[in-house]
Amino acid sequence: ITITGMMRDSDVRITDISGNLVYRTTSLGGQAIWPGTDLQGQEVSTGVYLIFATDPTGSSKCNTKVLVVR
């Protein structure tokens, strides 16, 4: 899953709908790739996931959501 439109080197956190951290990465060149797995490398279940991105200064934030269907 490609997440675009972010500032370079943004901290990207993906949580489940309950707020549990599922995946974390850093955007490179304004985009981040989420392979649809959790922090242990297991495929995530069908559901809604929240994406939180913060630029390196912490001043610009972006929130969105994605639906994963397996």
PDB file of N, CA and C in Angstrom:
ATOM      1  N   ILE A   1       0.864  -1.166   0.000  1.00  0.00           N
ATOM      2  CA  ILE A   1       0.000   0.000   0.000  1.00  0.00           C
ATOM      3  C   ILE A   1       0.906   1.222   0.000  1.00  0.00           C
ATOM      4  N   THR A   2       0.737   2.089  -0.987  1.00  0.00           N
ATOM      5  CA  THR A   2       1.558   3.289  -1.104  1.00  0.00           C
ATOM      6  C   THR A   2       0.807   4.477  -0.518  1.00  0.00           C
ATOM      7  N   ILE A   3       1.464   5.177   0.377  1.00  0.00           N
ATOM      8  CA  ILE A   3       0.895   6.358   1.023  1.00  0.00           C
ATOM      9  C   ILE A   3       1.676   7.554   0.493  1.00  0.00           C
ATOM     10  N   THR A   4       0.994   8.478  -0.179  1.00  0.00           N
ATOM     11  CA  THR A   4       1.673   9.605  -0.820  1.00  0.00           C
ATOM     12  C   THR A   4       1.203  10.937  -0.244  1.00  0.00           C
ATOM     13  N   GLY A   5       1.887  12.010  -0.671  1.00  0.00           N
ATOM     14  CA  GLY A   5       1.487  13.366  -0.308  1.00  0.00           C
ATOM     15  C   GLY A   5       2.008  13.839   1.029  1.00  0.00           C
ATOM     16  N   MET A   6       3.068  13.223   1.521  1.00  0.00           N
ATOM     17  CA  MET A   6       3.631  13.613   2.811  1.00  0.00           C
ATOM     18  C   MET A   6       4.915  14.397   2.614  1.00  0.00           C
ATOM     19  N   MET A   7       5.337  15.062   3.680  1.00  0.00           N
ATOM     20  CA  MET A   7       6.639  15.712   3.677  1.00  0.00           C
ATOM     21  C   MET A   7       7.713  14.620   3.719  1.00  0.00           C
ATOM     22  N   ARG A   8       8.875  14.927   3.171  1.00  0.00           N
ATOM     23  CA  ARG A   8      10.001  13.993   3.201  1.00  0.00           C
ATOM     24  C   ARG A   8      10.387  13.682   4.652  1.00  0.00           C
ATOM     25  N   ASP A   9      10.735  12.452   4.897  1.00  0.00           N
ATOM     26  CA  ASP A   9      11.177  11.966   6.208  1.00  0.00           C
ATOM     27  C   ASP A   9      10.116  12.079   7.301  1.00  0.00           C
ATOM     28  N   SER A  10       8.849  12.002   6.927  1.00  0.00           N
ATOM     29  CA  SER A  10       7.774  12.022   7.924  1.00  0.00           C
ATOM     30  C   SER A  10       7.738  10.702   8.686  1.00  0.00           C
ATOM     31  N   ASP A  11       7.384  10.785   9.959  1.00  0.00           N
ATOM     32  CA  ASP A  11       7.167   9.600  10.781  1.00  0.00           C
ATOM     33  C   ASP A  11       5.755   9.107  10.489  1.00  0.00           C
ATOM     34  N   VAL A  12       5.627   7.864  10.057  1.00  0.00           N
ATOM     35  CA  VAL A  12       4.328   7.309   9.677  1.00  0.00           C
ATOM     36  C   VAL A  12       3.985   6.171  10.636  1.00  0.00           C
ATOM     37  N   ARG A  13       2.838   6.312  11.284  1.00  0.00           N
ATOM     38  CA  ARG A  13       2.360   5.277  12.202  1.00  0.00           C
ATOM     39  C   ARG A  13       1.003   4.788  11.724  1.00  0.00           C
ATOM     40  N   ILE A  14       0.841   3.485  11.716  1.00  0.00           N
ATOM     41  CA  ILE A  14      -0.420   2.877  11.308  1.00  0.00           C
ATOM     42  C   ILE A  14      -0.956   2.108  12.504  1.00  0.00           C
ATOM     43  N   THR A  15      -2.213   2.411  12.852  1.00  0.00           N
ATOM     44  CA  THR A  15      -2.847   1.744  13.983  1.00  0.00           C
ATOM     45  C   THR A  15      -4.124   1.053  13.528  1.00  0.00           C
ATOM     46  N   ASP A  16      -4.572   0.099  14.340  1.00  0.00           N
ATOM     47  CA  ASP A  16      -5.893  -0.464  14.078  1.00  0.00           C
ATOM     48  C   ASP A  16      -6.932   0.506  14.632  1.00  0.00           C
ATOM     49  N   ILE A  17      -8.189   0.194  14.456  1.00  0.00           N
ATOM     50  CA  ILE A  17      -9.260   1.104  14.853  1.00  0.00           C
ATOM     51  C   ILE A  17      -9.292   1.317  16.374  1.00  0.00           C
ATOM     52  N   SER A  18      -8.696   0.397  17.133  1.00  0.00           N
ATOM     53  CA  SER A  18      -8.635   0.523  18.592  1.00  0.00           C
ATOM     54  C   SER A  18      -7.449   1.351  19.060  1.00  0.00           C
ATOM     55  N   GLY A  19      -6.590   1.762  18.118  1.00  0.00           N
ATOM     56  CA  GLY A  19      -5.434   2.583  18.472  1.00  0.00           C
ATOM     57  C   GLY A  19      -4.158   1.810  18.735  1.00  0.00           C
ATOM     58  N   ASN A  20      -4.170   0.500  18.524  1.00  0.00           N
ATOM     59  CA  ASN A  20      -2.965  -0.312  18.715  1.00  0.00           C
ATOM     60  C   ASN A  20      -2.017  -0.110  17.542  1.00  0.00           C
ATOM     61  N   LEU A  21      -0.747   0.161  17.832  1.00  0.00           N
ATOM     62  CA  LEU A  21       0.240   0.356  16.773  1.00  0.00           C
ATOM     63  C   LEU A  21       0.412  -0.936  15.988  1.00  0.00           C
ATOM     64  N   VAL A  22       0.246  -0.844  14.667  1.00  0.00           N
ATOM     65  CA  VAL A  22       0.353  -2.005  13.788  1.00  0.00           C
ATOM     66  C   VAL A  22       1.666  -1.961  13.016  1.00  0.00           C
ATOM     67  N   TYR A  23       2.057  -0.765  12.554  1.00  0.00           N
ATOM     68  CA  TYR A  23       3.238  -0.636  11.700  1.00  0.00           C
ATOM     69  C   TYR A  23       3.780   0.777  11.835  1.00  0.00           C
ATOM     70  N   ARG A  24       5.085   0.930  11.685  1.00  0.00           N
ATOM     71  CA  ARG A  24       5.719   2.247  11.738  1.00  0.00           C
ATOM     72  C   ARG A  24       6.833   2.291  10.709  1.00  0.00           C
ATOM     73  N   THR A  25       6.927   3.420  10.010  1.00  0.00           N
ATOM     74  CA  THR A  25       7.961   3.592   8.998  1.00  0.00           C
ATOM     75  C   THR A  25       8.246   5.081   8.828  1.00  0.00           C
ATOM     76  N   THR A  26       9.161   5.402   7.944  1.00  0.00           N
ATOM     77  CA  THR A  26       9.496   6.783   7.605  1.00  0.00           C
ATOM     78  C   THR A  26       9.276   6.976   6.118  1.00  0.00           C
ATOM     79  N   SER A  27       8.664   8.105   5.756  1.00  0.00           N
ATOM     80  CA  SER A  27       8.433   8.377   4.333  1.00  0.00           C
ATOM     81  C   SER A  27       9.743   8.773   3.674  1.00  0.00           C
ATOM     82  N   LEU A  28       9.940   8.309   2.477  1.00  0.00           N
ATOM     83  CA  LEU A  28      11.125   8.646   1.694  1.00  0.00           C
ATOM     84  C   LEU A  28      10.645   9.387   0.460  1.00  0.00           C
ATOM     85  N   GLY A  29      11.068  10.623   0.302  1.00  0.00           N
ATOM     86  CA  GLY A  29      10.656  11.390  -0.864  1.00  0.00           C
ATOM     87  C   GLY A  29       9.171  11.696  -0.892  1.00  0.00           C
ATOM     88  N   GLY A  30       8.535  11.778   0.280  1.00  0.00           N
ATOM     89  CA  GLY A  30       7.124  12.132   0.333  1.00  0.00           C
ATOM     90  C   GLY A  30       6.157  10.975   0.221  1.00  0.00           C
ATOM     91  N   GLN A  31       6.673   9.745   0.188  1.00  0.00           N
ATOM     92  CA  GLN A  31       5.765   8.598   0.170  1.00  0.00           C
ATOM     93  C   GLN A  31       6.305   7.484   1.055  1.00  0.00           C
ATOM     94  N   ALA A  32       5.392   6.684   1.550  1.00  0.00           N
ATOM     95  CA  ALA A  32       5.758   5.548   2.389  1.00  0.00           C
ATOM     96  C   ALA A  32       5.078   4.306   1.833  1.00  0.00           C
ATOM     97  N   ILE A  33       5.710   3.187   2.041  1.00  0.00           N
ATOM     98  CA  ILE A  33       5.162   1.905   1.599  1.00  0.00           C
ATOM     99  C   ILE A  33       4.811   1.084   2.838  1.00  0.00           C
ATOM    100  N   TRP A  34       3.582   0.602   2.878  1.00  0.00           N
ATOM    101  CA  TRP A  34       3.148  -0.319   3.926  1.00  0.00           C
ATOM    102  C   TRP A  34       2.814  -1.637   3.247  1.00  0.00           C
ATOM    103  N   PRO A  35       3.535  -2.700   3.572  1.00  0.00           N
ATOM    104  CA  PRO A  35       3.281  -3.986   2.916  1.00  0.00           C
ATOM    105  C   PRO A  35       2.023  -4.706   3.409  1.00  0.00           C
ATOM    106  N   GLY A  36       1.247  -4.055   4.277  1.00  0.00           N
ATOM    107  CA  GLY A  36       0.031  -4.690   4.782  1.00  0.00           C
ATOM    108  C   GLY A  36       0.307  -5.698   5.877  1.00  0.00           C
ATOM    109  N   THR A  37       1.439  -5.516   6.546  1.00  0.00           N
ATOM    110  CA  THR A  37       1.816  -6.419   7.624  1.00  0.00           C
ATOM    111  C   THR A  37       1.921  -5.646   8.933  1.00  0.00           C
ATOM    112  N   ASP A  38       1.979  -6.408  10.037  1.00  0.00           N
ATOM    113  CA  ASP A  38       2.173  -5.777  11.334  1.00  0.00           C
ATOM    114  C   ASP A  38       3.668  -5.717  11.646  1.00  0.00           C
ATOM    115  N   LEU A  39       4.007  -5.295  12.853  1.00  0.00           N
ATOM    116  CA  LEU A  39       5.412  -5.145  13.239  1.00  0.00           C
ATOM    117  C   LEU A  39       6.164  -6.475  13.273  1.00  0.00           C
ATOM    118  N   GLN A  40       5.432  -7.593  13.363  1.00  0.00           N
ATOM    119  CA  GLN A  40       6.063  -8.918  13.362  1.00  0.00           C
ATOM    120  C   GLN A  40       6.121  -9.536  11.970  1.00  0.00           C
ATOM    121  N   GLY A  41       5.638  -8.808  10.958  1.00  0.00           N
ATOM    122  CA  GLY A  41       5.678  -9.303   9.587  1.00  0.00           C
ATOM    123  C   GLY A  41       4.482 -10.144   9.184  1.00  0.00           C
ATOM    124  N   GLN A  42       3.479 -10.253  10.049  1.00  0.00           N
ATOM    125  CA  GLN A  42       2.273 -11.024   9.746  1.00  0.00           C
ATOM    126  C   GLN A  42       1.271 -10.144   9.003  1.00  0.00           C
ATOM    127  N   GLU A  43       0.573 -10.705   8.011  1.00  0.00           N
ATOM    128  CA  GLU A  43      -0.446  -9.945   7.286  1.00  0.00           C
ATOM    129  C   GLU A  43      -1.531  -9.491   8.247  1.00  0.00           C
ATOM    130  N   VAL A  44      -1.962  -8.226   8.099  1.00  0.00           N
ATOM    131  CA  VAL A  44      -3.037  -7.720   8.944  1.00  0.00           C
ATOM    132  C   VAL A  44      -4.374  -8.278   8.469  1.00  0.00           C
ATOM    133  N   SER A  45      -5.335  -8.288   9.362  1.00  0.00           N
ATOM    134  CA  SER A  45      -6.683  -8.768   9.048  1.00  0.00           C
ATOM    135  C   SER A  45      -7.467  -7.713   8.286  1.00  0.00           C
ATOM    136  N   THR A  46      -8.571  -8.137   7.692  1.00  0.00           N
ATOM    137  CA  THR A  46      -9.502  -7.198   7.075  1.00  0.00           C
ATOM    138  C   THR A  46      -9.948  -6.198   8.130  1.00  0.00           C
ATOM    139  N   GLY A  47      -9.972  -4.923   7.757  1.00  0.00           N
ATOM    140  CA  GLY A  47     -10.426  -3.903   8.697  1.00  0.00           C
ATOM    141  C   GLY A  47      -9.990  -2.517   8.286  1.00  0.00           C
ATOM    142  N   VAL A  48     -10.372  -1.551   9.102  1.00  0.00           N
ATOM    143  CA  VAL A  48     -10.006  -0.157   8.884  1.00  0.00           C
ATOM    144  C   VAL A  48      -8.755   0.135   9.700  1.00  0.00           C
ATOM    145  N   TYR A  49      -7.787   0.781   9.071  1.00  0.00           N
ATOM    146  CA  TYR A  49      -6.539   1.152   9.721  1.00  0.00           C
ATOM    147  C   TYR A  49      -6.345   2.655   9.588  1.00  0.00           C
ATOM    148  N   LEU A  50      -5.853   3.265  10.657  1.00  0.00           N
ATOM    149  CA  LEU A  50      -5.636   4.704  10.694  1.00  0.00           C
ATOM    150  C   LEU A  50      -4.170   4.998  10.426  1.00  0.00           C
ATOM    151  N   ILE A  51      -3.915   6.015   9.617  1.00  0.00           N
ATOM    152  CA  ILE A  51      -2.551   6.397   9.260  1.00  0.00           C
ATOM    153  C   ILE A  51      -2.295   7.794   9.802  1.00  0.00           C
ATOM    154  N   PHE A  52      -1.243   7.928  10.593  1.00  0.00           N
ATOM    155  CA  PHE A  52      -0.840   9.204  11.169  1.00  0.00           C
ATOM    156  C   PHE A  52       0.566   9.518  10.677  1.00  0.00           C
ATOM    157  N   ALA A  53       0.740  10.669  10.055  1.00  0.00           N
ATOM    158  CA  ALA A  53       2.055  11.078   9.554  1.00  0.00           C
ATOM    159  C   ALA A  53       2.407  12.435  10.148  1.00  0.00           C
ATOM    160  N   THR A  54       3.633  12.563  10.642  1.00  0.00           N
ATOM    161  CA  THR A  54       4.115  13.809  11.220  1.00  0.00           C
ATOM    162  C   THR A  54       5.445  14.153  10.575  1.00  0.00           C
ATOM    163  N   ASP A  55       5.606  15.411  10.134  1.00  0.00           N
ATOM    164  CA  ASP A  55       6.871  15.802   9.512  1.00  0.00           C
ATOM    165  C   ASP A  55       7.978  15.851  10.567  1.00  0.00           C
ATOM    166  N   PRO A  56       9.248  15.924  10.133  1.00  0.00           N
ATOM    167  CA  PRO A  56      10.370  15.867  11.073  1.00  0.00           C
ATOM    168  C   PRO A  56      10.348  16.945  12.158  1.00  0.00           C
ATOM    169  N   THR A  57       9.745  18.098  11.889  1.00  0.00           N
ATOM    170  CA  THR A  57       9.699  19.167  12.893  1.00  0.00           C
ATOM    171  C   THR A  57       8.530  18.994  13.853  1.00  0.00           C
ATOM    172  N   GLY A  58       7.608  18.104  13.515  1.00  0.00           N
ATOM    173  CA  GLY A  58       6.437  17.888  14.344  1.00  0.00           C
ATOM    174  C   GLY A  58       5.350  18.926  14.154  1.00  0.00           C
ATOM    175  N   SER A  59       5.558  19.826  13.197  1.00  0.00           N
ATOM    176  CA  SER A  59       4.609  20.926  13.022  1.00  0.00           C
ATOM    177  C   SER A  59       3.495  20.616  12.028  1.00  0.00           C
ATOM    178  N   SER A  60       3.710  19.674  11.146  1.00  0.00           N
ATOM    179  CA  SER A  60       2.704  19.349  10.135  1.00  0.00           C
ATOM    180  C   SER A  60       2.281  17.900  10.301  1.00  0.00           C
ATOM    181  N   LYS A  61       0.971  17.697  10.419  1.00  0.00           N
ATOM    182  CA  LYS A  61       0.453  16.349  10.625  1.00  0.00           C
ATOM    183  C   LYS A  61      -0.593  16.029   9.578  1.00  0.00           C
ATOM    184  N   CYS A  62      -0.685  14.754   9.249  1.00  0.00           N
ATOM    185  CA  CYS A  62      -1.670  14.290   8.276  1.00  0.00           C
ATOM    186  C   CYS A  62      -2.283  13.007   8.821  1.00  0.00           C
ATOM    187  N   ASN A  63      -3.594  12.937   8.812  1.00  0.00           N
ATOM    188  CA  ASN A  63      -4.293  11.741   9.274  1.00  0.00           C
ATOM    189  C   ASN A  63      -5.234  11.272   8.178  1.00  0.00           C
ATOM    190  N   THR A  64      -5.263   9.969   7.966  1.00  0.00           N
ATOM    191  CA  THR A  64      -6.196   9.393   7.002  1.00  0.00           C
ATOM    192  C   THR A  64      -6.481   7.957   7.430  1.00  0.00           C
ATOM    193  N   LYS A  65      -7.288   7.273   6.675  1.00  0.00           N
ATOM    194  CA  LYS A  65      -7.575   5.875   6.986  1.00  0.00           C
ATOM    195  C   LYS A  65      -7.609   5.060   5.711  1.00  0.00           C
ATOM    196  N   VAL A  66      -7.437   3.757   5.881  1.00  0.00           N
ATOM    197  CA  VAL A  66      -7.434   2.844   4.747  1.00  0.00           C
ATOM    198  C   VAL A  66      -8.205   1.589   5.147  1.00  0.00           C
ATOM    199  N   LEU A  67      -8.920   1.030   4.195  1.00  0.00           N
ATOM    200  CA  LEU A  67      -9.642  -0.220   4.410  1.00  0.00           C
ATOM    201  C   LEU A  67      -8.852  -1.341   3.760  1.00  0.00           C
ATOM    202  N   VAL A  68      -8.518  -2.353   4.540  1.00  0.00           N
ATOM    203  CA  VAL A  68      -7.831  -3.536   4.018  1.00  0.00           C
ATOM    204  C   VAL A  68      -8.866  -4.645   3.912  1.00  0.00           C
ATOM    205  N   VAL A  69      -8.982  -5.237   2.728  1.00  0.00           N
ATOM    206  CA  VAL A  69      -9.909  -6.342   2.501  1.00  0.00           C
ATOM    207  C   VAL A  69      -9.094  -7.537   2.033  1.00  0.00           C
ATOM    208  N   ARG A  70      -9.180  -8.625   2.750  1.00  0.00           N
ATOM    209  CA  ARG A  70      -8.437  -9.845   2.400  1.00  0.00           C
ATOM    210  C   ARG A  70      -9.368 -10.852   1.786  1.00  0.00           C
TER     211      ARG A  70
END
